[in-house]
Amino acid sequence: MASSHDADTAGITRRKSLAALAGAGALGLAGCTSGGDGDDSGNLSGDIRISGSSTVYPVAQEVTRSFAEQNPDVSFNLTRDGSGGGFENVFIPGDSDLNNSSRPIQDEEIQRCRDNDIEPVEFFVAQDALTVVVNNEADFIDEISLEDLRTIWSPDTAPELWSDVNPDWPDEPFDLYGPASTSGTYDYFIEAVIGETEADQDIREDFEGTEEDDLIAQGVQGNQYAFGYLPFAYYTNNPDSVKALSLSEGGSDPVEPSLEGAQSGNYPLARPLFFYGHMGKIQEKNHLQEFLEYYINEAAEDYIAQDIGYVPSSQDMVDANLENLEAAIAGEYEFEPISTR
């Protein structure tokens, strides 16, 4: 199992780089780019199919709702399939226009898109603070290290009892909840927390997996010795139902999950959120082009933080997204992750 200091340092560097790219002031909840009003888009009509991440779903849900109010002849089919499930079953086969994702698209997925004559176009949406939660009655724990988190979830260790990890914790079995294997949050957690394993599987299998993140909170709420992880937005939907743990990494001071921690990169499980577009469909559909411009601008609005629970896009990210959109419309886009620029 990978748990080296070098891996931890690399993780911190990646988070800091992404936070810097997201830009100071993105959270400030002041000075954000104002969203499009749809008034100059003409009489738009048509269908838009959006698949993918349950993490990004609340943002897409609000943006599609407001766009449809202004453009009633544009209809949306928005589903929660998981990032990987959306790519695998909907986007790569060419059945959706956009795929929400809580982790970057993988090289294998890019190649499979291209095998189907699809050039995926990357757009940054927001920053999340992936949150580790326990039952409110778990008064024996308020914080946890990334190392102990790895021990709990790794198939190489897979402790049965809380006391197997820390002798100060109770002699009670873990009741584990998390995203399903089709989820981008599942993929991210394996990469950021567990790393390489000696076992055949990437993560222990004796947990309740679901694409409904609210069900994770409900499961943890129902058992004093339950343990789970979920996007920050879904924790903020259930703040009185479960308790969020502060996280430490490599002996550092524990950091509470928060928008500020996600923005700065100081929180160990800060991560970027994305959606991906089908370039051919972007070229073909005027109403999709208009919606994407609207979505990009709305992702920088204050309500992304205040009402949903993610760090909004910064102006730099808005500009980068608009450049990608312009290139896609012209048919000149070739995949280059925003996070590597």
Protein backbone atom coordinates (compact mmCIF):
# COMPACT_ATOMS: atom_id res chain seq x y z
CA MET A 1 0.00 0.00 0.00
CA ALA A 2 1.40 3.40 -0.98
CA SER A 3 1.76 5.74 1.99
CA SER A 4 5.12 7.39 1.45
CA HIS A 5 6.05 10.93 2.40
CA ASP A 6 6.74 11.64 -1.28
CA ALA A 7 3.19 10.67 -2.22
CA ASP A 8 1.77 12.87 0.54
CA THR A 9 3.94 15.80 -0.56
CA ALA A 10 2.87 15.35 -4.17
CA GLY A 11 -0.77 15.37 -3.10
CA ILE A 12 -0.31 18.63 -1.21
CA THR A 13 1.44 20.19 -4.22
CA ARG A 14 -1.36 19.17 -6.59
CA ARG A 15 -4.00 20.62 -4.28
CA LYS A 16 -2.09 23.89 -3.90
CA SER A 17 -1.61 24.18 -7.66
CA LEU A 18 -5.27 23.61 -8.38
CA ALA A 19 -6.26 26.05 -5.66
CA ALA A 20 -3.97 28.70 -7.13
CA LEU A 21 -5.44 28.07 -10.56
CA ALA A 22 -8.94 28.40 -9.17
CA GLY A 23 -7.83 31.85 -8.03
CA ALA A 24 -7.98 33.91 -4.89
CA GLY A 25 -11.32 35.57 -4.54
CA ALA A 26 -13.30 32.78 -6.17
CA LEU A 27 -14.89 32.12 -2.81
CA GLY A 28 -15.06 35.72 -1.75
CA LEU A 29 -18.24 35.68 -2.65
CA ALA A 30 -17.70 39.02 -4.13
CA GLY A 31 -16.49 40.12 -7.52
CA CYS A 32 -17.59 36.95 -9.30
CA THR A 33 -18.46 36.98 -12.98
CA SER A 34 -22.14 37.59 -13.48
CA GLY A 35 -24.07 34.85 -15.21
CA GLY A 36 -25.67 35.17 -18.61
CA ASP A 37 -29.26 36.31 -18.65
CA GLY A 38 -30.35 34.46 -21.75
CA ASP A 39 -32.10 37.54 -23.12
CA ASP A 40 -29.95 37.77 -26.25
CA SER A 41 -30.00 34.08 -27.09
CA GLY A 42 -33.04 34.25 -29.37
CA ASN A 43 -35.74 31.63 -29.48
CA LEU A 44 -33.71 28.62 -28.47
CA SER A 45 -35.15 25.13 -28.70
CA GLY A 46 -33.88 21.58 -28.48
CA ASP A 47 -32.85 18.85 -26.07
CA ILE A 48 -29.75 18.59 -23.87
CA ARG A 49 -28.73 15.32 -22.23
CA ILE A 50 -26.43 15.59 -19.19
CA SER A 51 -25.09 12.44 -17.53
CA GLY A 52 -22.55 11.71 -14.83
CA SER A 53 -21.54 12.76 -11.35
CA SER A 54 -23.88 12.96 -8.38
CA THR A 55 -21.38 15.38 -6.81
CA VAL A 56 -21.72 17.91 -9.63
CA TYR A 57 -25.46 17.19 -9.97
CA PRO A 58 -26.65 19.96 -7.58
CA VAL A 59 -24.81 22.59 -9.64
CA ALA A 60 -26.13 21.22 -12.94
CA GLN A 61 -29.62 20.95 -11.48
CA GLU A 62 -29.74 24.61 -10.51
CA VAL A 63 -28.15 25.85 -13.74
CA THR A 64 -30.47 23.80 -15.96
CA ARG A 65 -33.48 24.96 -13.94
CA SER A 66 -32.68 28.64 -14.32
CA PHE A 67 -31.74 28.30 -18.01
CA ALA A 68 -34.98 26.43 -18.75
CA GLU A 69 -36.99 29.17 -17.05
CA GLN A 70 -35.50 31.68 -19.49
CA ASN A 71 -35.62 29.29 -22.46
CA PRO A 72 -38.75 27.17 -22.06
CA ASP A 73 -38.31 25.42 -25.42
CA VAL A 74 -35.02 23.88 -24.29
CA SER A 75 -35.57 20.62 -22.42
CA PHE A 76 -33.06 18.79 -20.23
CA ASN A 77 -32.52 15.15 -19.31
CA LEU A 78 -30.24 15.30 -16.26
CA THR A 79 -29.26 12.06 -14.53
CA ARG A 80 -26.97 10.82 -11.75
CA ASP A 81 -24.99 7.92 -13.19
CA GLY A 82 -21.67 8.49 -11.42
CA SER A 83 -18.70 10.05 -13.19
CA GLY A 84 -17.35 6.73 -14.46
CA GLY A 85 -20.80 5.29 -15.05
CA GLY A 86 -21.76 8.34 -17.07
CA PHE A 87 -18.64 8.13 -19.21
CA GLU A 88 -18.93 4.36 -19.68
CA ASN A 89 -22.64 3.99 -20.34
CA VAL A 90 -23.80 7.31 -21.74
CA PHE A 91 -21.14 9.81 -22.88
CA ILE A 92 -18.64 7.54 -24.63
CA PRO A 93 -21.41 5.76 -26.59
CA GLY A 94 -22.47 9.24 -27.77
CA ASP A 95 -25.79 9.36 -25.94
CA SER A 96 -25.19 12.51 -23.87
CA ASP A 97 -24.04 16.02 -24.71
CA LEU A 98 -22.26 16.61 -21.38
CA ASN A 99 -20.92 14.42 -18.60
CA ASN A 100 -20.46 15.81 -15.09
CA SER A 101 -17.40 14.44 -13.31
CA SER A 102 -15.97 14.71 -9.80
CA ARG A 103 -12.53 13.65 -11.06
CA PRO A 104 -10.54 14.32 -14.24
CA ILE A 105 -11.36 12.19 -17.25
CA GLN A 106 -8.98 9.22 -17.47
CA ASP A 107 -6.61 8.52 -20.36
CA GLU A 108 -8.46 5.31 -21.19
CA GLU A 109 -11.75 7.22 -21.35
CA ILE A 110 -10.23 9.86 -23.63
CA GLN A 111 -9.03 7.15 -26.00
CA ARG A 112 -12.39 5.40 -26.00
CA CYS A 113 -14.07 8.73 -26.77
CA ARG A 114 -11.75 9.22 -29.73
CA ASP A 115 -12.36 5.67 -30.90
CA ASN A 116 -16.00 6.77 -31.19
CA ASP A 117 -15.06 10.03 -32.96
CA ILE A 118 -15.74 12.11 -29.85
CA GLU A 119 -13.31 14.79 -28.69
CA PRO A 120 -14.07 15.48 -25.01
CA VAL A 121 -13.93 19.15 -24.03
CA GLU A 122 -12.98 19.86 -20.41
CA PHE A 123 -14.66 22.54 -18.30
CA PHE A 124 -13.86 23.31 -14.65
CA VAL A 125 -16.92 23.83 -12.44
CA ALA A 126 -15.93 24.28 -8.79
CA GLN A 127 -13.83 23.07 -5.85
CA ASP A 128 -15.06 20.54 -3.28
CA ALA A 129 -13.88 19.53 0.20
CA LEU A 130 -14.57 15.79 0.35
CA THR A 131 -15.90 15.23 3.85
CA VAL A 132 -15.40 12.31 6.24
CA VAL A 133 -18.41 11.81 8.53
CA VAL A 134 -19.36 9.79 11.59
CA ASN A 135 -22.47 9.43 13.71
CA ASN A 136 -23.31 12.34 16.01
CA GLU A 137 -23.03 10.00 19.02
CA ALA A 138 -19.45 9.05 18.15
CA ASP A 139 -18.01 11.23 20.92
CA PHE A 140 -14.72 9.32 20.87
CA ILE A 141 -13.55 10.93 17.62
CA ASP A 142 -13.38 14.48 16.25
CA GLU A 143 -10.42 14.20 13.89
CA ILE A 144 -8.57 11.59 11.89
CA SER A 145 -5.31 11.38 9.98
CA LEU A 146 -5.16 10.54 6.30
CA GLU A 147 -2.98 7.61 7.34
CA ASP A 148 -5.68 6.16 9.62
CA LEU A 149 -8.27 6.83 6.93
CA ARG A 150 -6.14 4.79 4.55
CA THR A 151 -5.87 1.99 7.11
CA ILE A 152 -9.63 1.83 7.57
CA TRP A 153 -10.47 1.63 3.86
CA SER A 154 -7.52 -0.24 2.36
CA PRO A 155 -8.16 -3.89 1.41
CA ASP A 156 -4.65 -4.66 2.66
CA THR A 157 -5.65 -3.88 6.25
CA ALA A 158 -9.49 -3.81 6.38
CA PRO A 159 -9.81 -3.62 10.18
CA GLU A 160 -13.01 -5.04 11.63
CA LEU A 161 -13.11 -2.99 14.83
CA TRP A 162 -12.52 0.68 15.56
CA SER A 163 -10.01 -0.40 18.22
CA ASP A 164 -7.99 -2.24 15.57
CA VAL A 165 -6.96 1.19 14.26
CA ASN A 166 -6.70 3.10 17.53
CA PRO A 167 -6.79 1.44 20.98
CA ASP A 168 -8.59 4.49 22.36
CA TRP A 169 -11.51 3.80 20.05
CA PRO A 170 -14.30 1.35 21.00
CA ASP A 171 -14.25 -2.41 20.46
CA GLU A 172 -17.09 -2.10 17.98
CA PRO A 173 -17.28 -3.07 14.29
CA PHE A 174 -17.10 -0.48 11.54
CA ASP A 175 -20.30 0.15 9.58
CA LEU A 176 -18.98 1.72 6.38
CA TYR A 177 -20.75 3.87 3.79
CA GLY A 178 -19.44 5.45 0.60
CA PRO A 179 -20.03 6.11 -3.08
CA ALA A 180 -20.53 3.22 -5.51
CA SER A 181 -17.72 2.06 -7.79
CA THR A 182 -19.26 3.98 -10.72
CA SER A 183 -18.70 7.24 -8.83
CA GLY A 184 -15.91 9.70 -9.52
CA THR A 185 -15.77 10.34 -5.79
CA TYR A 186 -14.97 6.63 -5.32
CA ASP A 187 -12.17 6.91 -7.91
CA TYR A 188 -10.83 10.09 -6.31
CA PHE A 189 -10.86 8.57 -2.82
CA ILE A 190 -8.88 5.55 -4.00
CA GLU A 191 -6.27 7.77 -5.66
CA ALA A 192 -6.02 10.41 -2.92
CA VAL A 193 -6.33 8.22 0.17
CA ILE A 194 -5.65 4.55 -0.51
CA GLY A 195 -3.08 4.56 -3.29
CA GLU A 196 -1.60 1.30 -4.54
CA THR A 197 -2.58 -1.93 -2.81
CA GLU A 198 -1.29 -5.48 -2.71
CA ALA A 199 -4.81 -6.91 -2.86
CA ASP A 200 -6.74 -7.64 -6.05
CA GLN A 201 -9.22 -4.85 -5.33
CA ASP A 202 -8.58 -1.12 -4.85
CA ILE A 203 -10.73 -0.69 -1.75
CA ARG A 204 -12.28 -2.97 0.86
CA GLU A 205 -15.57 -4.38 -0.38
CA ASP A 206 -17.61 -4.63 2.84
CA PHE A 207 -19.23 -1.19 2.65
CA GLU A 208 -22.61 0.11 1.53
CA GLY A 209 -22.09 1.83 -1.82
CA THR A 210 -24.57 4.17 -3.46
CA GLU A 211 -24.83 6.90 -6.10
CA GLU A 212 -27.25 8.77 -3.80
CA ASP A 213 -24.95 10.79 -1.55
CA ASP A 214 -27.78 11.72 0.82
CA LEU A 215 -28.16 7.99 1.52
CA ILE A 216 -24.57 7.94 2.80
CA ALA A 217 -25.49 10.58 5.36
CA GLN A 218 -28.65 8.68 6.28
CA GLY A 219 -26.71 5.44 6.73
CA VAL A 220 -24.13 7.07 8.99
CA GLN A 221 -26.91 8.75 10.95
CA GLY A 222 -28.47 5.37 11.69
CA ASN A 223 -25.54 3.67 13.47
CA GLN A 224 -23.36 5.01 16.27
CA TYR A 225 -20.31 3.24 14.84
CA ALA A 226 -20.87 4.14 11.20
CA PHE A 227 -18.23 5.85 9.10
CA GLY A 228 -18.42 7.34 5.61
CA TYR A 229 -17.31 10.01 3.17
CA LEU A 230 -19.29 12.29 0.86
CA PRO A 231 -19.07 15.62 -1.01
CA PHE A 232 -19.12 18.74 1.17
CA ALA A 233 -22.38 19.95 -0.42
CA TYR A 234 -24.16 16.82 0.78
CA TYR A 235 -22.73 17.27 4.27
CA THR A 236 -24.05 20.83 4.34
CA ASN A 237 -27.45 19.37 3.40
CA ASN A 238 -27.25 17.18 6.52
CA PRO A 239 -25.25 19.22 9.08
CA ASP A 240 -27.35 18.13 12.05
CA SER A 241 -27.57 14.48 10.98
CA VAL A 242 -23.87 13.55 10.97
CA LYS A 243 -20.57 14.87 12.34
CA ALA A 244 -17.74 15.94 10.04
CA LEU A 245 -14.18 15.05 11.07
CA SER A 246 -11.17 17.31 10.76
CA LEU A 247 -8.34 15.77 8.71
CA SER A 248 -4.59 15.82 9.21
CA GLU A 249 -1.87 14.66 6.85
CA GLY A 250 1.74 13.74 7.57
CA GLY A 251 1.64 15.04 11.15
CA SER A 252 0.10 18.40 10.24
CA ASP A 253 -2.56 20.11 12.34
CA PRO A 254 -6.11 18.87 11.64
CA VAL A 255 -8.13 20.98 9.20
CA GLU A 256 -11.92 21.16 9.21
CA PRO A 257 -13.71 20.62 5.89
CA SER A 258 -14.74 24.03 4.58
CA LEU A 259 -14.99 26.11 1.44
CA GLU A 260 -11.99 28.12 2.59
CA GLY A 261 -9.94 24.96 2.98
CA ALA A 262 -10.99 23.74 -0.45
CA GLN A 263 -10.09 27.09 -2.01
CA SER A 264 -6.66 27.33 -0.39
CA GLY A 265 -5.79 23.67 -0.81
CA ASN A 266 -4.99 23.38 2.92
CA TYR A 267 -7.72 20.80 3.41
CA PRO A 268 -6.23 17.37 2.59
CA LEU A 269 -9.17 16.22 0.45
CA ALA A 270 -9.74 19.40 -1.58
CA ARG A 271 -10.50 18.53 -5.20
CA PRO A 272 -11.67 20.11 -8.47
CA LEU A 273 -14.99 19.30 -10.14
CA PHE A 274 -15.58 19.19 -13.90
CA PHE A 275 -17.96 18.60 -16.74
CA TYR A 276 -17.02 17.37 -20.21
CA GLY A 277 -18.63 18.24 -23.52
CA HIS A 278 -18.99 16.32 -26.79
CA MET A 279 -17.25 18.62 -29.31
CA GLY A 280 -19.25 17.41 -32.29
CA LYS A 281 -22.55 18.10 -30.56
CA ILE A 282 -21.31 21.48 -29.37
CA GLN A 283 -20.57 22.39 -32.99
CA GLU A 284 -23.98 21.20 -34.17
CA LYS A 285 -26.30 22.60 -31.51
CA ASN A 286 -26.71 26.34 -31.07
CA HIS A 287 -28.84 25.89 -27.97
CA LEU A 288 -26.06 23.76 -26.42
CA GLN A 289 -23.50 26.47 -27.17
CA GLU A 290 -25.71 29.07 -25.47
CA PHE A 291 -26.29 26.80 -22.49
CA LEU A 292 -22.57 26.13 -22.07
CA GLU A 293 -21.76 29.83 -22.03
CA TYR A 294 -24.49 30.28 -19.43
CA TYR A 295 -23.26 27.32 -17.35
CA ILE A 296 -19.65 28.57 -17.40
CA ASN A 297 -20.67 31.99 -16.13
CA GLU A 298 -23.14 30.67 -13.57
CA ALA A 299 -20.41 28.45 -12.09
CA ALA A 300 -18.74 31.65 -10.86
CA GLU A 301 -21.82 32.92 -9.04
CA ASP A 302 -22.03 33.38 -5.27
CA TYR A 303 -24.88 30.89 -4.87
CA ILE A 304 -22.55 28.03 -5.82
CA ALA A 305 -21.01 28.53 -2.36
CA GLN A 306 -23.92 29.97 -0.43
CA ASP A 307 -26.70 27.63 -1.56
CA ILE A 308 -24.90 24.51 -2.84
CA GLY A 309 -21.64 24.27 -0.89
CA TYR A 310 -18.78 24.40 -3.40
CA VAL A 311 -16.13 27.01 -4.18
CA PRO A 312 -17.21 28.82 -7.38
CA SER A 313 -15.04 29.21 -10.47
CA SER A 314 -12.66 32.16 -10.50
CA GLN A 315 -12.44 34.64 -13.37
CA ASP A 316 -9.33 32.83 -14.61
CA MET A 317 -11.27 29.59 -14.76
CA VAL A 318 -14.21 31.26 -16.49
CA ASP A 319 -11.83 32.67 -19.10
CA ALA A 320 -10.16 29.27 -19.62
CA ASN A 321 -13.56 27.58 -19.96
CA LEU A 322 -14.75 30.17 -22.49
CA GLU A 323 -11.57 29.66 -24.51
CA ASN A 324 -12.27 25.93 -24.58
CA LEU A 325 -15.84 26.57 -25.66
CA GLU A 326 -14.76 28.92 -28.45
CA ALA A 327 -12.23 26.36 -29.70
CA ALA A 328 -14.82 23.58 -29.57
CA ILE A 329 -17.37 25.59 -31.56
CA ALA A 330 -14.70 26.21 -34.20
CA GLY A 331 -13.80 22.51 -34.21
CA GLU A 332 -10.25 23.36 -33.17
CA TYR A 333 -10.24 22.01 -29.61
CA GLU A 334 -7.86 19.20 -28.73
CA PHE A 335 -8.03 17.86 -25.21
CA GLU A 336 -5.68 19.59 -22.80
CA PRO A 337 -6.63 19.41 -19.13
CA ILE A 338 -7.16 22.86 -17.61
CA SER A 339 -5.48 21.58 -14.45
CA THR A 340 -2.14 21.10 -16.26
CA ARG A 341 -1.88 24.60 -17.74
